[in-house]
Amino acid sequence: MPLIQIEQDSPEVIDSARILIAAMAEEVCKILTRGNEAAQIDKTRETAAVSGHLNAMQLHGLLSMDTYGDLIAEKVAAVRAAEAAVKG
C-alpha cells in the first residue's frame, strides 16, 4: 500500500479548524438565546462535535499535540465569549 505524505500543522488545516470553531461559537450563541433546558444539551452536542473533529485531525497526524492543545484552548475561549455575549 502506498504511503501518503501528510504535512502536519499546515496553514490550510489550521484555518479550517478555526473556521469550524467560529461556526461553533456562532451556533452556541443561537442555542443559548433560546434559554430553555434543551439548549444546554444542544450546546454540549455542538461543542463535543468540534472537540471530536479536532481530536480526529490530531489522531490522523494533521495536527501536532501542541497545535491541537492551542485549538482546544481557542474552542474553549470561543464558547466562553459566546456565553458572555448572550449574557450581555
N, C-alpha and C. Protein backbone atom coordinates (compact mmCIF):
# COMPACT_ATOMS: atom_id res chain seq x y z
N MET A 1 0.86 -1.17 0.00
CA MET A 1 0.00 0.00 0.00
C MET A 1 0.91 1.24 0.00
N PRO A 2 0.65 2.19 -0.90
CA PRO A 2 1.49 3.39 -0.96
C PRO A 2 1.25 4.29 0.25
N LEU A 3 2.30 4.95 0.67
CA LEU A 3 2.19 5.90 1.77
C LEU A 3 1.80 7.27 1.24
N ILE A 4 1.00 7.98 2.01
CA ILE A 4 0.59 9.33 1.65
C ILE A 4 1.35 10.30 2.54
N GLN A 5 2.00 11.26 1.92
CA GLN A 5 2.74 12.27 2.68
C GLN A 5 1.74 13.26 3.28
N ILE A 6 1.83 13.47 4.58
CA ILE A 6 0.93 14.40 5.27
C ILE A 6 1.77 15.52 5.87
N GLU A 7 1.35 16.75 5.58
CA GLU A 7 2.01 17.90 6.18
C GLU A 7 1.28 18.24 7.48
N GLN A 8 1.94 18.05 8.59
CA GLN A 8 1.33 18.33 9.88
C GLN A 8 1.30 19.84 10.11
N ASP A 9 0.20 20.31 10.70
CA ASP A 9 0.02 21.72 11.05
C ASP A 9 0.07 22.64 9.83
N SER A 10 -0.44 22.18 8.71
CA SER A 10 -0.46 23.04 7.53
C SER A 10 -1.40 24.22 7.78
N PRO A 11 -1.12 25.37 7.20
CA PRO A 11 -1.98 26.54 7.39
C PRO A 11 -3.43 26.28 6.97
N GLU A 12 -3.61 25.49 5.92
CA GLU A 12 -4.97 25.19 5.45
C GLU A 12 -5.76 24.39 6.49
N VAL A 13 -5.10 23.43 7.12
CA VAL A 13 -5.77 22.61 8.14
C VAL A 13 -6.10 23.47 9.36
N ILE A 14 -5.16 24.29 9.78
CA ILE A 14 -5.39 25.15 10.94
C ILE A 14 -6.50 26.16 10.64
N ASP A 15 -6.49 26.73 9.44
CA ASP A 15 -7.55 27.68 9.06
C ASP A 15 -8.92 27.00 9.05
N SER A 16 -8.98 25.78 8.53
CA SER A 16 -10.28 25.08 8.51
C SER A 16 -10.76 24.78 9.91
N ALA A 17 -9.83 24.47 10.82
CA ALA A 17 -10.21 24.23 12.21
C ALA A 17 -10.73 25.51 12.85
N ARG A 18 -10.10 26.63 12.56
CA ARG A 18 -10.55 27.91 13.12
C ARG A 18 -11.90 28.33 12.56
N ILE A 19 -12.15 28.03 11.30
CA ILE A 19 -13.46 28.30 10.70
C ILE A 19 -14.52 27.46 11.40
N LEU A 20 -14.20 26.21 11.68
CA LEU A 20 -15.11 25.32 12.40
C LEU A 20 -15.40 25.85 13.80
N ILE A 21 -14.37 26.33 14.49
CA ILE A 21 -14.54 26.89 15.84
C ILE A 21 -15.42 28.13 15.80
N ALA A 22 -15.20 29.00 14.82
CA ALA A 22 -16.02 30.22 14.70
C ALA A 22 -17.48 29.88 14.42
N ALA A 23 -17.71 28.90 13.56
CA ALA A 23 -19.09 28.48 13.27
C ALA A 23 -19.75 27.89 14.51
N MET A 24 -18.97 27.13 15.29
CA MET A 24 -19.49 26.56 16.53
C MET A 24 -19.88 27.66 17.50
N ALA A 25 -19.03 28.68 17.63
CA ALA A 25 -19.32 29.79 18.55
C ALA A 25 -20.60 30.51 18.14
N GLU A 26 -20.77 30.71 16.85
CA GLU A 26 -22.00 31.35 16.36
C GLU A 26 -23.22 30.50 16.67
N GLU A 27 -23.09 29.20 16.48
CA GLU A 27 -24.20 28.29 16.78
C GLU A 27 -24.49 28.26 18.28
N VAL A 28 -23.46 28.29 19.11
CA VAL A 28 -23.65 28.31 20.56
C VAL A 28 -24.42 29.56 20.97
N CYS A 29 -24.11 30.70 20.36
CA CYS A 29 -24.86 31.93 20.66
C CYS A 29 -26.34 31.74 20.34
N LYS A 30 -26.62 31.19 19.18
CA LYS A 30 -28.02 30.96 18.79
C LYS A 30 -28.71 30.00 19.77
N ILE A 31 -28.00 28.96 20.14
CA ILE A 31 -28.56 27.96 21.05
C ILE A 31 -28.87 28.59 22.40
N LEU A 32 -27.92 29.36 22.93
CA LEU A 32 -28.09 29.93 24.28
C LEU A 32 -29.18 31.00 24.33
N THR A 33 -29.45 31.66 23.23
CA THR A 33 -30.51 32.68 23.26
C THR A 33 -31.89 32.04 23.41
N ARG A 34 -32.00 30.75 23.14
CA ARG A 34 -33.29 30.06 23.33
C ARG A 34 -33.65 30.01 24.80
N GLY A 35 -32.63 29.82 25.66
CA GLY A 35 -32.85 29.85 27.09
C GLY A 35 -33.72 28.74 27.66
N ASN A 36 -33.80 27.61 26.99
CA ASN A 36 -34.58 26.51 27.55
C ASN A 36 -33.68 25.36 27.96
N GLU A 37 -34.26 24.33 28.54
CA GLU A 37 -33.48 23.20 29.04
C GLU A 37 -32.75 22.47 27.92
N ALA A 38 -33.37 22.36 26.78
CA ALA A 38 -32.74 21.65 25.67
C ALA A 38 -31.52 22.40 25.15
N ALA A 39 -31.44 23.68 25.43
CA ALA A 39 -30.30 24.48 24.94
C ALA A 39 -28.99 23.97 25.50
N GLN A 40 -28.96 23.58 26.75
CA GLN A 40 -27.72 23.08 27.35
C GLN A 40 -27.27 21.79 26.68
N ILE A 41 -28.21 20.93 26.39
CA ILE A 41 -27.89 19.67 25.70
C ILE A 41 -27.36 19.97 24.31
N ASP A 42 -28.01 20.88 23.60
CA ASP A 42 -27.57 21.24 22.25
C ASP A 42 -26.20 21.91 22.27
N LYS A 43 -25.94 22.73 23.28
CA LYS A 43 -24.62 23.37 23.41
C LYS A 43 -23.56 22.31 23.62
N THR A 44 -23.83 21.35 24.49
CA THR A 44 -22.88 20.27 24.75
C THR A 44 -22.62 19.47 23.48
N ARG A 45 -23.66 19.16 22.75
CA ARG A 45 -23.52 18.41 21.50
C ARG A 45 -22.67 19.18 20.50
N GLU A 46 -22.93 20.46 20.36
CA GLU A 46 -22.21 21.29 19.41
C GLU A 46 -20.72 21.37 19.76
N THR A 47 -20.41 21.62 21.02
CA THR A 47 -19.00 21.75 21.42
C THR A 47 -18.29 20.40 21.37
N ALA A 48 -18.99 19.32 21.69
CA ALA A 48 -18.39 17.98 21.62
C ALA A 48 -18.06 17.59 20.18
N ALA A 49 -18.91 17.99 19.26
CA ALA A 49 -18.66 17.68 17.85
C ALA A 49 -17.36 18.34 17.38
N VAL A 50 -17.13 19.58 17.78
CA VAL A 50 -15.90 20.27 17.39
C VAL A 50 -14.70 19.62 18.06
N SER A 51 -14.83 19.27 19.33
CA SER A 51 -13.73 18.58 20.01
C SER A 51 -13.40 17.27 19.31
N GLY A 52 -14.41 16.54 18.92
CA GLY A 52 -14.21 15.28 18.22
C GLY A 52 -13.52 15.47 16.88
N HIS A 53 -13.92 16.51 16.17
CA HIS A 53 -13.30 16.82 14.88
C HIS A 53 -11.81 17.14 15.05
N LEU A 54 -11.51 17.99 16.04
CA LEU A 54 -10.12 18.35 16.30
C LEU A 54 -9.32 17.12 16.74
N ASN A 55 -9.93 16.29 17.56
CA ASN A 55 -9.27 15.07 18.02
C ASN A 55 -8.94 14.15 16.84
N ALA A 56 -9.88 14.00 15.92
CA ALA A 56 -9.65 13.16 14.75
C ALA A 56 -8.51 13.72 13.90
N MET A 57 -8.47 15.05 13.76
CA MET A 57 -7.39 15.67 12.99
C MET A 57 -6.03 15.37 13.64
N GLN A 58 -5.99 15.41 14.95
CA GLN A 58 -4.73 15.13 15.66
C GLN A 58 -4.37 13.65 15.54
N LEU A 59 -5.33 12.78 15.70
CA LEU A 59 -5.07 11.34 15.63
C LEU A 59 -4.57 10.92 14.26
N HIS A 60 -5.01 11.60 13.21
CA HIS A 60 -4.60 11.26 11.85
C HIS A 60 -3.34 12.01 11.42
N GLY A 61 -2.71 12.69 12.37
CA GLY A 61 -1.44 13.32 12.09
C GLY A 61 -1.52 14.67 11.40
N LEU A 62 -2.71 15.24 11.30
CA LEU A 62 -2.85 16.54 10.66
C LEU A 62 -2.47 17.68 11.60
N LEU A 63 -2.60 17.44 12.90
CA LEU A 63 -2.25 18.44 13.91
C LEU A 63 -1.26 17.84 14.90
N SER A 64 -0.27 18.62 15.26
CA SER A 64 0.63 18.20 16.33
C SER A 64 -0.11 18.35 17.66
N MET A 65 0.42 17.74 18.70
CA MET A 65 -0.21 17.87 20.02
C MET A 65 -0.24 19.32 20.49
N ASP A 66 0.82 20.07 20.21
CA ASP A 66 0.86 21.48 20.61
C ASP A 66 -0.23 22.29 19.92
N THR A 67 -0.37 22.11 18.61
CA THR A 67 -1.39 22.84 17.86
C THR A 67 -2.78 22.39 18.28
N TYR A 68 -2.94 21.09 18.50
CA TYR A 68 -4.22 20.56 18.98
C TYR A 68 -4.60 21.23 20.30
N GLY A 69 -3.65 21.31 21.22
CA GLY A 69 -3.91 21.97 22.50
C GLY A 69 -4.27 23.44 22.33
N ASP A 70 -3.58 24.11 21.42
CA ASP A 70 -3.89 25.52 21.15
C ASP A 70 -5.30 25.68 20.60
N LEU A 71 -5.69 24.81 19.68
CA LEU A 71 -7.02 24.91 19.08
C LEU A 71 -8.12 24.56 20.08
N ILE A 72 -7.86 23.60 20.95
CA ILE A 72 -8.84 23.29 22.01
C ILE A 72 -9.00 24.51 22.92
N ALA A 73 -7.89 25.17 23.25
CA ALA A 73 -7.97 26.39 24.07
C ALA A 73 -8.75 27.48 23.34
N GLU A 74 -8.56 27.61 22.04
CA GLU A 74 -9.33 28.58 21.25
C GLU A 74 -10.82 28.23 21.26
N LYS A 75 -11.12 26.93 21.21
CA LYS A 75 -12.52 26.48 21.24
C LYS A 75 -13.16 26.85 22.57
N VAL A 76 -12.46 26.60 23.66
CA VAL A 76 -12.96 26.92 25.00
C VAL A 76 -13.17 28.43 25.12
N ALA A 77 -12.22 29.21 24.65
CA ALA A 77 -12.35 30.68 24.70
C ALA A 77 -13.52 31.15 23.85
N ALA A 78 -13.75 30.52 22.72
CA ALA A 78 -14.86 30.89 21.85
C ALA A 78 -16.20 30.60 22.52
N VAL A 79 -16.28 29.48 23.22
CA VAL A 79 -17.53 29.15 23.93
C VAL A 79 -17.76 30.15 25.05
N ARG A 80 -16.72 30.49 25.79
CA ARG A 80 -16.85 31.48 26.87
C ARG A 80 -17.27 32.85 26.33
N ALA A 81 -16.69 33.24 25.21
CA ALA A 81 -17.06 34.52 24.59
C ALA A 81 -18.52 34.49 24.11
N ALA A 82 -18.96 33.37 23.57
CA ALA A 82 -20.35 33.24 23.14
C ALA A 82 -21.29 33.34 24.34
N GLU A 83 -20.93 32.68 25.42
CA GLU A 83 -21.76 32.73 26.64
C GLU A 83 -21.82 34.16 27.17
N ALA A 84 -20.68 34.85 27.17
CA ALA A 84 -20.64 36.22 27.66
C ALA A 84 -21.46 37.15 26.78
N ALA A 85 -21.42 36.92 25.48
CA ALA A 85 -22.17 37.75 24.55
C ALA A 85 -23.67 37.60 24.75
N VAL A 86 -24.10 36.41 25.06
CA VAL A 86 -25.54 36.15 25.28
C VAL A 86 -25.99 36.78 26.60
N LYS A 87 -25.13 36.70 27.62
CA LYS A 87 -25.48 37.28 28.92
C LYS A 87 -25.52 38.79 28.87
N GLY A 88 -24.77 39.34 27.93
CA GLY A 88 -24.78 40.80 27.76
C GLY A 88 -23.79 41.45 28.58
